[in-house]
């Protein structure tokens, strides 16, 4: 398996995922978040410019919407999501 195949597998969830539907902080090495119902992010630590604005605005993220961004912590104010794990 070449490096390109490994990268595609990693981005497609080959390292597993975690379903969340609460307002607790969830930590780990994640590469994407897919919302399974309308959700609002309360806090996030990751590589996303202006994420503080997204959080402060209380932006609603719709069912099925995906944000591709490396992050290590997320807290939802409301909703539910699948967190895709990055490489270990």
PDB file of N, CA and C in Angstrom:
ATOM      1  N   UNK A   1       0.850  -1.173   0.000  1.00  0.00           N
ATOM      2  CA  UNK A   1       0.000   0.000   0.000  1.00  0.00           C
ATOM      3  C   UNK A   1       0.893   1.233   0.000  1.00  0.00           C
ATOM      4  N   UNK A   2       0.729   2.110  -0.997  1.00  0.00           N
ATOM      5  CA  UNK A   2       1.530   3.319  -1.103  1.00  0.00           C
ATOM      6  C   UNK A   2       1.081   4.388  -0.127  1.00  0.00           C
ATOM      7  N   UNK A   3       1.886   5.427  -0.015  1.00  0.00           N
ATOM      8  CA  UNK A   3       1.582   6.526   0.924  1.00  0.00           C
ATOM      9  C   UNK A   3       0.264   7.204   0.579  1.00  0.00           C
ATOM     10  N   UNK A   4      -0.061   7.320  -0.719  1.00  0.00           N
ATOM     11  CA  UNK A   4      -1.326   7.943  -1.103  1.00  0.00           C
ATOM     12  C   UNK A   4      -2.505   7.126  -0.581  1.00  0.00           C
ATOM     13  N   UNK A   5      -2.411   5.813  -0.649  1.00  0.00           N
ATOM     14  CA  UNK A   5      -3.484   4.953  -0.146  1.00  0.00           C
ATOM     15  C   UNK A   5      -3.644   5.098   1.359  1.00  0.00           C
ATOM     16  N   UNK A   6      -2.544   5.208   2.064  1.00  0.00           N
ATOM     17  CA  UNK A   6      -2.592   5.385   3.510  1.00  0.00           C
ATOM     18  C   UNK A   6      -3.289   6.691   3.845  1.00  0.00           C
ATOM     19  N   UNK A   7      -2.945   7.770   3.161  1.00  0.00           N
ATOM     20  CA  UNK A   7      -3.561   9.067   3.428  1.00  0.00           C
ATOM     21  C   UNK A   7      -5.053   9.054   3.139  1.00  0.00           C
ATOM     22  N   UNK A   8      -5.471   8.413   2.052  1.00  0.00           N
ATOM     23  CA  UNK A   8      -6.895   8.317   1.738  1.00  0.00           C
ATOM     24  C   UNK A   8      -7.603   7.514   2.827  1.00  0.00           C
ATOM     25  N   UNK A   9      -7.021   6.396   3.232  1.00  0.00           N
ATOM     26  CA  UNK A   9      -7.638   5.591   4.289  1.00  0.00           C
ATOM     27  C   UNK A   9      -7.778   6.383   5.578  1.00  0.00           C
ATOM     28  N   UNK A  10      -6.752   7.140   5.949  1.00  0.00           N
ATOM     29  CA  UNK A  10      -6.810   7.944   7.167  1.00  0.00           C
ATOM     30  C   UNK A  10      -7.923   8.975   7.084  1.00  0.00           C
ATOM     31  N   UNK A  11      -8.072   9.624   5.939  1.00  0.00           N
ATOM     32  CA  UNK A  11      -9.087  10.665   5.796  1.00  0.00           C
ATOM     33  C   UNK A  11     -10.492  10.083   5.709  1.00  0.00           C
ATOM     34  N   UNK A  12     -10.615   8.795   5.435  1.00  0.00           N
ATOM     35  CA  UNK A  12     -11.920   8.156   5.306  1.00  0.00           C
ATOM     36  C   UNK A  12     -12.334   7.432   6.592  1.00  0.00           C
ATOM     37  N   UNK A  13     -11.609   7.626   7.668  1.00  0.00           N
ATOM     38  CA  UNK A  13     -11.987   7.046   8.953  1.00  0.00           C
ATOM     39  C   UNK A  13     -11.387   5.689   9.256  1.00  0.00           C
ATOM     40  N   UNK A  14     -10.318   5.321   8.573  1.00  0.00           N
ATOM     41  CA  UNK A  14      -9.700   4.008   8.798  1.00  0.00           C
ATOM     42  C   UNK A  14      -9.168   3.845  10.216  1.00  0.00           C
ATOM     43  N   UNK A  15      -8.958   4.947  10.915  1.00  0.00           N
ATOM     44  CA  UNK A  15      -8.454   4.876  12.290  1.00  0.00           C
ATOM     45  C   UNK A  15      -9.576   4.848  13.316  1.00  0.00           C
ATOM     46  N   UNK A  16     -10.797   4.782  12.843  1.00  0.00           N
ATOM     47  CA  UNK A  16     -11.937   4.697  13.743  1.00  0.00           C
ATOM     48  C   UNK A  16     -12.620   6.035  13.959  1.00  0.00           C
ATOM     49  N   UNK A  17     -13.684   5.987  14.720  1.00  0.00           N
ATOM     50  CA  UNK A  17     -14.449   7.199  14.988  1.00  0.00           C
ATOM     51  C   UNK A  17     -15.138   7.078  16.341  1.00  0.00           C
ATOM     52  N   UNK A  18     -15.670   8.200  16.800  1.00  0.00           N
ATOM     53  CA  UNK A  18     -16.356   8.270  18.088  1.00  0.00           C
ATOM     54  C   UNK A  18     -17.656   9.043  17.884  1.00  0.00           C
ATOM     55  N   UNK A  19     -18.762   8.487  18.348  1.00  0.00           N
ATOM     56  CA  UNK A  19     -20.047   9.188  18.292  1.00  0.00           C
ATOM     57  C   UNK A  19     -20.236   9.955  19.591  1.00  0.00           C
ATOM     58  N   UNK A  20     -20.617  11.229  19.485  1.00  0.00           N
ATOM     59  CA  UNK A  20     -20.883  12.035  20.687  1.00  0.00           C
ATOM     60  C   UNK A  20     -22.259  12.675  20.567  1.00  0.00           C
ATOM     61  N   UNK A  21     -22.955  12.789  21.693  1.00  0.00           N
ATOM     62  CA  UNK A  21     -24.268  13.443  21.719  1.00  0.00           C
ATOM     63  C   UNK A  21     -24.533  14.085  23.073  1.00  0.00           C
ATOM     64  N   UNK A  22     -23.472  14.650  23.639  1.00  0.00           N
ATOM     65  CA  UNK A  22     -23.594  15.288  24.946  1.00  0.00           C
ATOM     66  C   UNK A  22     -22.829  16.610  24.942  1.00  0.00           C
ATOM     67  N   UNK A  23     -22.746  17.243  26.089  1.00  0.00           N
ATOM     68  CA  UNK A  23     -22.058  18.536  26.182  1.00  0.00           C
ATOM     69  C   UNK A  23     -20.730  18.430  26.934  1.00  0.00           C
ATOM     70  N   UNK A  24     -20.200  17.229  27.041  1.00  0.00           N
ATOM     71  CA  UNK A  24     -18.896  17.010  27.684  1.00  0.00           C
ATOM     72  C   UNK A  24     -17.773  17.305  26.686  1.00  0.00           C
ATOM     73  N   UNK A  25     -16.594  17.620  27.203  1.00  0.00           N
ATOM     74  CA  UNK A  25     -15.418  17.804  26.343  1.00  0.00           C
ATOM     75  C   UNK A  25     -14.922  16.429  25.895  1.00  0.00           C
ATOM     76  N   UNK A  26     -14.613  16.305  24.614  1.00  0.00           N
ATOM     77  CA  UNK A  26     -14.087  15.055  24.055  1.00  0.00           C
ATOM     78  C   UNK A  26     -12.707  15.343  23.485  1.00  0.00           C
ATOM     79  N   UNK A  27     -11.722  14.559  23.916  1.00  0.00           N
ATOM     80  CA  UNK A  27     -10.347  14.796  23.494  1.00  0.00           C
ATOM     81  C   UNK A  27      -9.791  13.597  22.739  1.00  0.00           C
ATOM     82  N   UNK A  28      -8.821  13.879  21.879  1.00  0.00           N
ATOM     83  CA  UNK A  28      -8.167  12.843  21.090  1.00  0.00           C
ATOM     84  C   UNK A  28      -7.491  13.487  19.896  1.00  0.00           C
ATOM     85  N   UNK A  29      -7.051  12.667  18.989  1.00  0.00           N
ATOM     86  CA  UNK A  29      -6.413  13.148  17.761  1.00  0.00           C
ATOM     87  C   UNK A  29      -7.404  12.926  16.626  1.00  0.00           C
ATOM     88  N   UNK A  30      -8.144  13.971  16.250  1.00  0.00           N
ATOM     89  CA  UNK A  30      -9.210  13.856  15.261  1.00  0.00           C
ATOM     90  C   UNK A  30      -8.871  14.631  13.989  1.00  0.00           C
ATOM     91  N   UNK A  31      -9.481  14.204  12.864  1.00  0.00           N
ATOM     92  CA  UNK A  31      -9.225  14.866  11.580  1.00  0.00           C
ATOM     93  C   UNK A  31     -10.475  15.435  10.921  1.00  0.00           C
ATOM     94  N   UNK A  32     -11.651  15.053  11.418  1.00  0.00           N
ATOM     95  CA  UNK A  32     -12.889  15.569  10.832  1.00  0.00           C
ATOM     96  C   UNK A  32     -14.030  15.343  11.810  1.00  0.00           C
ATOM     97  N   UNK A  33     -15.087  16.137  11.625  1.00  0.00           N
ATOM     98  CA  UNK A  33     -16.303  15.981  12.414  1.00  0.00           C
ATOM     99  C   UNK A  33     -17.492  16.045  11.464  1.00  0.00           C
ATOM    100  N   UNK A  34     -18.378  15.061  11.588  1.00  0.00           N
ATOM    101  CA  UNK A  34     -19.593  15.024  10.780  1.00  0.00           C
ATOM    102  C   UNK A  34     -20.784  15.102  11.730  1.00  0.00           C
ATOM    103  N   UNK A  35     -21.668  16.050  11.463  1.00  0.00           N
ATOM    104  CA  UNK A  35     -22.803  16.275  12.348  1.00  0.00           C
ATOM    105  C   UNK A  35     -23.970  15.368  11.945  1.00  0.00           C
ATOM    106  N   UNK A  36     -24.537  14.651  12.917  1.00  0.00           N
ATOM    107  CA  UNK A  36     -25.626  13.725  12.648  1.00  0.00           C
ATOM    108  C   UNK A  36     -26.990  14.345  12.948  1.00  0.00           C
ATOM    109  N   UNK A  37     -26.971  15.530  13.481  1.00  0.00           N
ATOM    110  CA  UNK A  37     -28.168  16.346  13.668  1.00  0.00           C
ATOM    111  C   UNK A  37     -27.700  17.789  13.797  1.00  0.00           C
ATOM    112  N   UNK A  38     -28.614  18.735  13.686  1.00  0.00           N
ATOM    113  CA  UNK A  38     -28.233  20.135  13.808  1.00  0.00           C
ATOM    114  C   UNK A  38     -27.505  20.334  15.134  1.00  0.00           C
ATOM    115  N   UNK A  39     -26.303  20.948  15.059  1.00  0.00           N
ATOM    116  CA  UNK A  39     -25.428  21.044  16.224  1.00  0.00           C
ATOM    117  C   UNK A  39     -24.792  22.417  16.337  1.00  0.00           C
ATOM    118  N   UNK A  40     -24.363  22.743  17.540  1.00  0.00           N
ATOM    119  CA  UNK A  40     -23.633  23.978  17.804  1.00  0.00           C
ATOM    120  C   UNK A  40     -22.379  23.607  18.588  1.00  0.00           C
ATOM    121  N   UNK A  41     -21.226  24.127  18.136  1.00  0.00           N
ATOM    122  CA  UNK A  41     -19.960  23.873  18.830  1.00  0.00           C
ATOM    123  C   UNK A  41     -19.798  24.882  19.961  1.00  0.00           C
ATOM    124  N   UNK A  42     -19.482  24.387  21.166  1.00  0.00           N
ATOM    125  CA  UNK A  42     -19.269  25.251  22.322  1.00  0.00           C
ATOM    126  C   UNK A  42     -17.807  25.589  22.545  1.00  0.00           C
ATOM    127  N   UNK A  43     -16.913  24.661  22.178  1.00  0.00           N
ATOM    128  CA  UNK A  43     -15.470  24.880  22.323  1.00  0.00           C
ATOM    129  C   UNK A  43     -14.750  23.917  21.391  1.00  0.00           C
ATOM    130  N   UNK A  44     -13.604  24.374  20.886  1.00  0.00           N
ATOM    131  CA  UNK A  44     -12.824  23.531  19.981  1.00  0.00           C
ATOM    132  C   UNK A  44     -11.364  23.947  20.034  1.00  0.00           C
ATOM    133  N   UNK A  45     -10.466  22.962  20.101  1.00  0.00           N
ATOM    134  CA  UNK A  45      -9.034  23.206  20.037  1.00  0.00           C
ATOM    135  C   UNK A  45      -8.518  22.500  18.799  1.00  0.00           C
ATOM    136  N   UNK A  46      -8.044  23.287  17.843  1.00  0.00           N
ATOM    137  CA  UNK A  46      -7.559  22.699  16.599  1.00  0.00           C
ATOM    138  C   UNK A  46      -6.983  23.744  15.669  1.00  0.00           C
ATOM    139  N   UNK A  47      -6.724  23.324  14.448  1.00  0.00           N
ATOM    140  CA  UNK A  47      -6.099  24.180  13.441  1.00  0.00           C
ATOM    141  C   UNK A  47      -7.190  24.724  12.520  1.00  0.00           C
ATOM    142  N   UNK A  48      -7.961  25.687  13.023  1.00  0.00           N
ATOM    143  CA  UNK A  48      -9.035  26.301  12.243  1.00  0.00           C
ATOM    144  C   UNK A  48      -9.030  27.795  12.491  1.00  0.00           C
ATOM    145  N   UNK A  49      -8.689  28.556  11.470  1.00  0.00           N
ATOM    146  CA  UNK A  49      -8.682  30.013  11.612  1.00  0.00           C
ATOM    147  C   UNK A  49     -10.102  30.501  11.898  1.00  0.00           C
ATOM    148  N   UNK A  50     -10.215  31.448  12.782  1.00  0.00           N
ATOM    149  CA  UNK A  50     -11.480  32.083  13.145  1.00  0.00           C
ATOM    150  C   UNK A  50     -12.485  31.136  13.795  1.00  0.00           C
ATOM    151  N   UNK A  51     -12.019  30.035  14.361  1.00  0.00           N
ATOM    152  CA  UNK A  51     -12.952  29.136  15.033  1.00  0.00           C
ATOM    153  C   UNK A  51     -13.626  29.828  16.217  1.00  0.00           C
ATOM    154  N   UNK A  52     -12.941  30.778  16.817  1.00  0.00           N
ATOM    155  CA  UNK A  52     -13.537  31.519  17.935  1.00  0.00           C
ATOM    156  C   UNK A  52     -14.783  32.280  17.474  1.00  0.00           C
ATOM    157  N   UNK A  53     -14.749  32.799  16.247  1.00  0.00           N
ATOM    158  CA  UNK A  53     -15.922  33.504  15.707  1.00  0.00           C
ATOM    159  C   UNK A  53     -17.074  32.535  15.468  1.00  0.00           C
ATOM    160  N   UNK A  54     -16.767  31.365  14.931  1.00  0.00           N
ATOM    161  CA  UNK A  54     -17.784  30.337  14.690  1.00  0.00           C
ATOM    162  C   UNK A  54     -18.465  29.962  15.994  1.00  0.00           C
ATOM    163  N   UNK A  55     -17.670  29.821  17.046  1.00  0.00           N
ATOM    164  CA  UNK A  55     -18.194  29.448  18.354  1.00  0.00           C
ATOM    165  C   UNK A  55     -18.975  30.601  18.976  1.00  0.00           C
ATOM    166  N   UNK A  56     -18.412  31.802  18.937  1.00  0.00           N
ATOM    167  CA  UNK A  56     -19.074  32.975  19.536  1.00  0.00           C
ATOM    168  C   UNK A  56     -20.405  33.283  18.858  1.00  0.00           C
ATOM    169  N   UNK A  57     -20.486  33.049  17.551  1.00  0.00           N
ATOM    170  CA  UNK A  57     -21.723  33.308  16.811  1.00  0.00           C
ATOM    171  C   UNK A  57     -22.794  32.257  17.080  1.00  0.00           C
ATOM    172  N   UNK A  58     -22.416  31.128  17.671  1.00  0.00           N
ATOM    173  CA  UNK A  58     -23.374  30.055  17.913  1.00  0.00           C
ATOM    174  C   UNK A  58     -23.916  29.475  16.614  1.00  0.00           C
ATOM    175  N   UNK A  59     -23.049  29.388  15.625  1.00  0.00           N
ATOM    176  CA  UNK A  59     -23.439  28.920  14.297  1.00  0.00           C
ATOM    177  C   UNK A  59     -24.008  27.500  14.354  1.00  0.00           C
ATOM    178  N   UNK A  60     -25.180  27.310  13.758  1.00  0.00           N
ATOM    179  CA  UNK A  60     -25.783  25.980  13.665  1.00  0.00           C
ATOM    180  C   UNK A  60     -25.194  25.248  12.474  1.00  0.00           C
ATOM    181  N   UNK A  61     -24.715  24.052  12.709  1.00  0.00           N
ATOM    182  CA  UNK A  61     -24.147  23.210  11.664  1.00  0.00           C
ATOM    183  C   UNK A  61     -25.148  22.096  11.384  1.00  0.00           C
ATOM    184  N   UNK A  62     -25.520  21.948  10.124  1.00  0.00           N
ATOM    185  CA  UNK A  62     -26.612  21.060   9.746  1.00  0.00           C
ATOM    186  C   UNK A  62     -26.263  19.586   9.701  1.00  0.00           C
ATOM    187  N   UNK A  63     -27.299  18.780   9.715  1.00  0.00           N
ATOM    188  CA  UNK A  63     -27.170  17.331   9.606  1.00  0.00           C
ATOM    189  C   UNK A  63     -26.401  16.969   8.343  1.00  0.00           C
ATOM    190  N   UNK A  64     -25.386  16.137   8.497  1.00  0.00           N
ATOM    191  CA  UNK A  64     -24.581  15.698   7.364  1.00  0.00           C
ATOM    192  C   UNK A  64     -23.404  16.592   7.037  1.00  0.00           C
ATOM    193  N   UNK A  65     -23.383  17.790   7.585  1.00  0.00           N
ATOM    194  CA  UNK A  65     -22.271  18.709   7.315  1.00  0.00           C
ATOM    195  C   UNK A  65     -20.989  18.158   7.936  1.00  0.00           C
ATOM    196  N   UNK A  66     -19.874  18.315   7.200  1.00  0.00           N
ATOM    197  CA  UNK A  66     -18.581  17.825   7.664  1.00  0.00           C
ATOM    198  C   UNK A  66     -17.592  18.982   7.696  1.00  0.00           C
ATOM    199  N   UNK A  67     -16.822  19.065   8.755  1.00  0.00           N
ATOM    200  CA  UNK A  67     -15.708  20.005   8.839  1.00  0.00           C
ATOM    201  C   UNK A  67     -14.437  19.157   8.871  1.00  0.00           C
ATOM    202  N   UNK A  68     -13.584  19.358   7.884  1.00  0.00           N
ATOM    203  CA  UNK A  68     -12.305  18.653   7.819  1.00  0.00           C
ATOM    204  C   UNK A  68     -11.237  19.546   8.429  1.00  0.00           C
ATOM    205  N   UNK A  69     -10.812  19.196   9.626  1.00  0.00           N
ATOM    206  CA  UNK A  69      -9.818  20.008  10.332  1.00  0.00           C
ATOM    207  C   UNK A  69      -9.173  19.148  11.417  1.00  0.00           C
ATOM    208  N   UNK A  70      -7.852  19.217  11.538  1.00  0.00           N
ATOM    209  CA  UNK A  70      -7.229  18.503  12.661  1.00  0.00           C
ATOM    210  C   UNK A  70      -7.584  19.207  13.973  1.00  0.00           C
ATOM    211  N   UNK A  71      -8.050  18.440  14.953  1.00  0.00           N
ATOM    212  CA  UNK A  71      -8.367  19.036  16.251  1.00  0.00           C
ATOM    213  C   UNK A  71      -8.145  18.006  17.350  1.00  0.00           C
ATOM    214  N   UNK A  72      -7.965  18.516  18.569  1.00  0.00           N
ATOM    215  CA  UNK A  72      -7.678  17.636  19.703  1.00  0.00           C
ATOM    216  C   UNK A  72      -8.745  17.675  20.788  1.00  0.00           C
ATOM    217  N   UNK A  73      -9.672  18.614  20.688  1.00  0.00           N
ATOM    218  CA  UNK A  73     -10.723  18.706  21.698  1.00  0.00           C
ATOM    219  C   UNK A  73     -11.940  19.402  21.102  1.00  0.00           C
ATOM    220  N   UNK A  74     -13.122  18.908  21.475  1.00  0.00           N
ATOM    221  CA  UNK A  74     -14.359  19.568  21.039  1.00  0.00           C
ATOM    222  C   UNK A  74     -15.432  19.362  22.092  1.00  0.00           C
ATOM    223  N   UNK A  75     -16.253  20.392  22.252  1.00  0.00           N
ATOM    224  CA  UNK A  75     -17.407  20.352  23.136  1.00  0.00           C
ATOM    225  C   UNK A  75     -18.597  20.877  22.355  1.00  0.00           C
ATOM    226  N   UNK A  76     -19.685  20.141  22.342  1.00  0.00           N
ATOM    227  CA  UNK A  76     -20.902  20.613  21.687  1.00  0.00           C
ATOM    228  C   UNK A  76     -21.793  21.313  22.700  1.00  0.00           C
ATOM    229  N   UNK A  77     -22.428  22.392  22.264  1.00  0.00           N
ATOM    230  CA  UNK A  77     -23.452  23.036  23.074  1.00  0.00           C
ATOM    231  C   UNK A  77     -24.756  22.271  22.918  1.00  0.00           C
ATOM    232  N   UNK A  78     -24.979  21.775  21.698  1.00  0.00           N
ATOM    233  CA  UNK A  78     -26.164  20.965  21.402  1.00  0.00           C
ATOM    234  C   UNK A  78     -25.875  20.114  20.176  1.00  0.00           C
ATOM    235  N   UNK A  79     -26.658  19.063  20.009  1.00  0.00           N
ATOM    236  CA  UNK A  79     -26.544  18.235  18.819  1.00  0.00           C
ATOM    237  C   UNK A  79     -25.770  16.945  19.045  1.00  0.00           C
ATOM    238  N   UNK A  80     -25.323  16.365  17.915  1.00  0.00           N
ATOM    239  CA  UNK A  80     -24.601  15.099  17.936  1.00  0.00           C
ATOM    240  C   UNK A  80     -23.693  15.031  16.724  1.00  0.00           C
ATOM    241  N   UNK A  81     -22.606  14.252  16.836  1.00  0.00           N
ATOM    242  CA  UNK A  81     -21.642  14.199  15.752  1.00  0.00           C
ATOM    243  C   UNK A  81     -20.797  12.930  15.821  1.00  0.00           C
ATOM    244  N   UNK A  82     -20.153  12.647  14.706  1.00  0.00           N
ATOM    245  CA  UNK A  82     -19.167  11.576  14.642  1.00  0.00           C
ATOM    246  C   UNK A  82     -17.800  12.243  14.496  1.00  0.00           C
ATOM    247  N   UNK A  83     -16.874  11.906  15.393  1.00  0.00           N
ATOM    248  CA  UNK A  83     -15.512  12.437  15.354  1.00  0.00           C
ATOM    249  C   UNK A  83     -14.622  11.383  14.713  1.00  0.00           C
ATOM    250  N   UNK A  84     -13.963  11.727  13.606  1.00  0.00           N
ATOM    251  CA  UNK A  84     -13.086  10.780  12.909  1.00  0.00           C
ATOM    252  C   UNK A  84     -11.661  10.906  13.438  1.00  0.00           C
ATOM    253  N   UNK A  85     -11.115   9.780  13.881  1.00  0.00           N
ATOM    254  CA  UNK A  85      -9.779   9.759  14.482  1.00  0.00           C
ATOM    255  C   UNK A  85      -8.690   9.894  13.419  1.00  0.00           C
ATOM    256  N   UNK A  86      -7.638  10.650  13.775  1.00  0.00           N
ATOM    257  CA  UNK A  86      -6.460  10.773  12.920  1.00  0.00           C
ATOM    258  C   UNK A  86      -5.522   9.608  13.159  1.00  0.00           C
ATOM    259  N   UNK A  87      -4.373   9.652  12.514  1.00  0.00           N
ATOM    260  CA  UNK A  87      -3.408   8.571  12.682  1.00  0.00           C
ATOM    261  C   UNK A  87      -2.903   8.535  14.115  1.00  0.00           C
ATOM    262  N   UNK A  88      -2.586   7.351  14.559  1.00  0.00           N
ATOM    263  CA  UNK A  88      -2.159   7.156  15.948  1.00  0.00           C
ATOM    264  C   UNK A  88      -0.653   7.165  16.058  1.00  0.00           C
TER     265      UNK A  88
END
